Amino acid sequence: EHRRIGALAHALGIELITVGAPTYGGQEVADARSAVVQVGDVAAGVAVLVKASRAAGMERLAAALVAGPAGPGGGAATEAVAGPAPADGTAPW
């Protein structure tokens, strides 16, 4: 199923950046911080879909993208990703 979704995204011209999900066929990066840097600045009118299980902690990735541009050194976005691990025991980066 993941390969089919990845193929459809590719056919539609949607860029996939994946963390721990190589079967989608997107550009695989090491972690959420790398994904933020890879996405970079998100221009007005551009949509970013962050799809993941809660256990992966990708809500922090979404928050980092909302926080602002990553810039060459990471900036506010990677600081948001690198914050402390959640108290509920979900996976830290």
C-alpha atoms as a PDB file:
ATOM      1  CA  GLU A   1       0.000   0.000   0.000  1.00  0.00           C
ATOM      2  CA  HIS A   2       2.816   2.446   0.838  1.00  0.00           C
ATOM      3  CA  ARG A   3       4.466   1.892  -2.546  1.00  0.00           C
ATOM      4  CA  ARG A   4       1.141   2.550  -4.311  1.00  0.00           C
ATOM      5  CA  ILE A   5       0.602   5.789  -2.386  1.00  0.00           C
ATOM      6  CA  GLY A   6       4.179   6.874  -3.128  1.00  0.00           C
ATOM      7  CA  ALA A   7       3.735   6.123  -6.842  1.00  0.00           C
ATOM      8  CA  LEU A   8       0.501   8.119  -6.919  1.00  0.00           C
ATOM      9  CA  ALA A   9       2.150  11.069  -5.168  1.00  0.00           C
ATOM     10  CA  HIS A  10       5.016  10.962  -7.658  1.00  0.00           C
ATOM     11  CA  ALA A  11       2.570  10.822 -10.598  1.00  0.00           C
ATOM     12  CA  LEU A  12       0.811  13.897  -9.201  1.00  0.00           C
ATOM     13  CA  GLY A  13       4.083  15.796  -8.818  1.00  0.00           C
ATOM     14  CA  ILE A  14       4.008  15.666  -5.019  1.00  0.00           C
ATOM     15  CA  GLU A  15       7.437  15.580  -3.380  1.00  0.00           C
ATOM     16  CA  LEU A  16       7.765  12.996  -0.616  1.00  0.00           C
ATOM     17  CA  ILE A  17      10.234  13.366   2.217  1.00  0.00           C
ATOM     18  CA  THR A  18      10.102  10.402   4.542  1.00  0.00           C
ATOM     19  CA  VAL A  19      11.463   9.592   7.989  1.00  0.00           C
ATOM     20  CA  GLY A  20      11.669   5.875   8.648  1.00  0.00           C
ATOM     21  CA  ALA A  21       9.320   5.003   5.791  1.00  0.00           C
ATOM     22  CA  PRO A  22      11.402   4.100   2.735  1.00  0.00           C
ATOM     23  CA  THR A  23       8.628   2.012   1.179  1.00  0.00           C
ATOM     24  CA  TYR A  24       6.870   5.220   0.089  1.00  0.00           C
ATOM     25  CA  GLY A  25       9.719   5.814  -2.358  1.00  0.00           C
ATOM     26  CA  GLY A  26      10.319   9.386  -1.270  1.00  0.00           C
ATOM     27  CA  GLN A  27      13.535  11.053  -0.234  1.00  0.00           C
ATOM     28  CA  GLU A  28      14.431   9.298   3.011  1.00  0.00           C
ATOM     29  CA  VAL A  29      16.014  11.446   5.724  1.00  0.00           C
ATOM     30  CA  ALA A  30      17.458  10.378   9.071  1.00  0.00           C
ATOM     31  CA  ASP A  31      15.114  12.162  11.465  1.00  0.00           C
ATOM     32  CA  ALA A  32      12.561  14.936  11.959  1.00  0.00           C
ATOM     33  CA  ARG A  33      15.259  17.603  12.240  1.00  0.00           C
ATOM     34  CA  SER A  34      16.610  16.549   8.823  1.00  0.00           C
ATOM     35  CA  ALA A  35      13.083  16.647   7.410  1.00  0.00           C
ATOM     36  CA  VAL A  36      12.603  20.235   8.607  1.00  0.00           C
ATOM     37  CA  VAL A  37      15.869  21.284   6.984  1.00  0.00           C
ATOM     38  CA  GLN A  38      14.992  19.401   3.773  1.00  0.00           C
ATOM     39  CA  VAL A  39      11.569  21.053   3.543  1.00  0.00           C
ATOM     40  CA  GLY A  40      13.110  24.470   4.173  1.00  0.00           C
ATOM     41  CA  ASP A  41      11.038  27.617   3.905  1.00  0.00           C
ATOM     42  CA  VAL A  42       7.419  26.964   2.990  1.00  0.00           C
ATOM     43  CA  ALA A  43       6.059  29.668   0.718  1.00  0.00           C
ATOM     44  CA  ALA A  44       2.573  31.084   1.141  1.00  0.00           C
ATOM     45  CA  GLY A  45       0.028  28.910  -0.617  1.00  0.00           C
ATOM     46  CA  VAL A  46       2.141  25.741  -0.377  1.00  0.00           C
ATOM     47  CA  ALA A  47       0.693  22.834   1.569  1.00  0.00           C
ATOM     48  CA  VAL A  48       2.745  20.402   3.653  1.00  0.00           C
ATOM     49  CA  LEU A  49       1.148  17.177   4.831  1.00  0.00           C
ATOM     50  CA  VAL A  50       2.770  15.507   7.820  1.00  0.00           C
ATOM     51  CA  LYS A  51       1.453  11.953   8.014  1.00  0.00           C
ATOM     52  CA  ALA A  52       2.636   9.669  10.784  1.00  0.00           C
ATOM     53  CA  SER A  53       1.617   7.574  13.725  1.00  0.00           C
ATOM     54  CA  ARG A  54       1.443   9.291  17.115  1.00  0.00           C
ATOM     55  CA  ALA A  55       4.215   6.996  18.325  1.00  0.00           C
ATOM     56  CA  ALA A  56       6.603   8.573  15.796  1.00  0.00           C
ATOM     57  CA  GLY A  57       6.139  11.993  17.413  1.00  0.00           C
ATOM     58  CA  MET A  58       5.769  13.760  14.085  1.00  0.00           C
ATOM     59  CA  GLU A  59       3.387  16.306  15.595  1.00  0.00           C
ATOM     60  CA  ARG A  60       6.598  18.007  16.713  1.00  0.00           C
ATOM     61  CA  LEU A  61       7.711  18.106  13.074  1.00  0.00           C
ATOM     62  CA  ALA A  62       4.448  19.804  12.133  1.00  0.00           C
ATOM     63  CA  ALA A  63       4.896  22.309  14.972  1.00  0.00           C
ATOM     64  CA  ALA A  64       8.449  22.991  13.808  1.00  0.00           C
ATOM     65  CA  LEU A  65       7.269  23.721  10.270  1.00  0.00           C
ATOM     66  CA  VAL A  66       4.672  26.138  11.634  1.00  0.00           C
ATOM     67  CA  ALA A  67       7.347  27.782  13.843  1.00  0.00           C
ATOM     68  CA  GLY A  68       9.140  29.227  10.863  1.00  0.00           C
ATOM     69  CA  PRO A  69      11.945  28.841   8.398  1.00  0.00           C
ATOM     70  CA  ALA A  70      14.680  26.350   9.095  1.00  0.00           C
ATOM     71  CA  GLY A  71      17.382  28.349   7.364  1.00  0.00           C
ATOM     72  CA  PRO A  72      20.894  27.033   6.842  1.00  0.00           C
ATOM     73  CA  GLY A  73      21.628  26.514  10.533  1.00  0.00           C
ATOM     74  CA  GLY A  74      18.250  25.196  11.533  1.00  0.00           C
ATOM     75  CA  GLY A  75      16.735  28.301  13.165  1.00  0.00           C
ATOM     76  CA  ALA A  76      13.438  28.241  15.040  1.00  0.00           C
ATOM     77  CA  ALA A  77      12.113  25.189  13.243  1.00  0.00           C
ATOM     78  CA  THR A  78      14.893  22.801  14.239  1.00  0.00           C
ATOM     79  CA  GLU A  79      14.902  24.228  17.762  1.00  0.00           C
ATOM     80  CA  ALA A  80      11.230  23.259  17.989  1.00  0.00           C
ATOM     81  CA  VAL A  81      12.071  19.722  16.824  1.00  0.00           C
ATOM     82  CA  ALA A  82      14.984  19.379  19.223  1.00  0.00           C
ATOM     83  CA  GLY A  83      12.967  20.321  22.294  1.00  0.00           C
ATOM     84  CA  PRO A  84      12.633  18.054  25.324  1.00  0.00           C
ATOM     85  CA  ALA A  85      11.014  14.660  25.002  1.00  0.00           C
ATOM     86  CA  PRO A  86       7.281  14.632  25.757  1.00  0.00           C
ATOM     87  CA  ALA A  87       6.323  13.610  29.315  1.00  0.00           C
ATOM     88  CA  ASP A  88       3.907  10.971  27.989  1.00  0.00           C
ATOM     89  CA  GLY A  89       6.792   8.764  26.851  1.00  0.00           C
ATOM     90  CA  THR A  90       6.369   9.210  23.114  1.00  0.00           C
ATOM     91  CA  ALA A  91       9.541   8.875  21.093  1.00  0.00           C
ATOM     92  CA  PRO A  92      12.058  11.703  21.359  1.00  0.00           C
ATOM     93  CA  TRP A  93      14.090  12.560  18.288  1.00  0.00           C
END
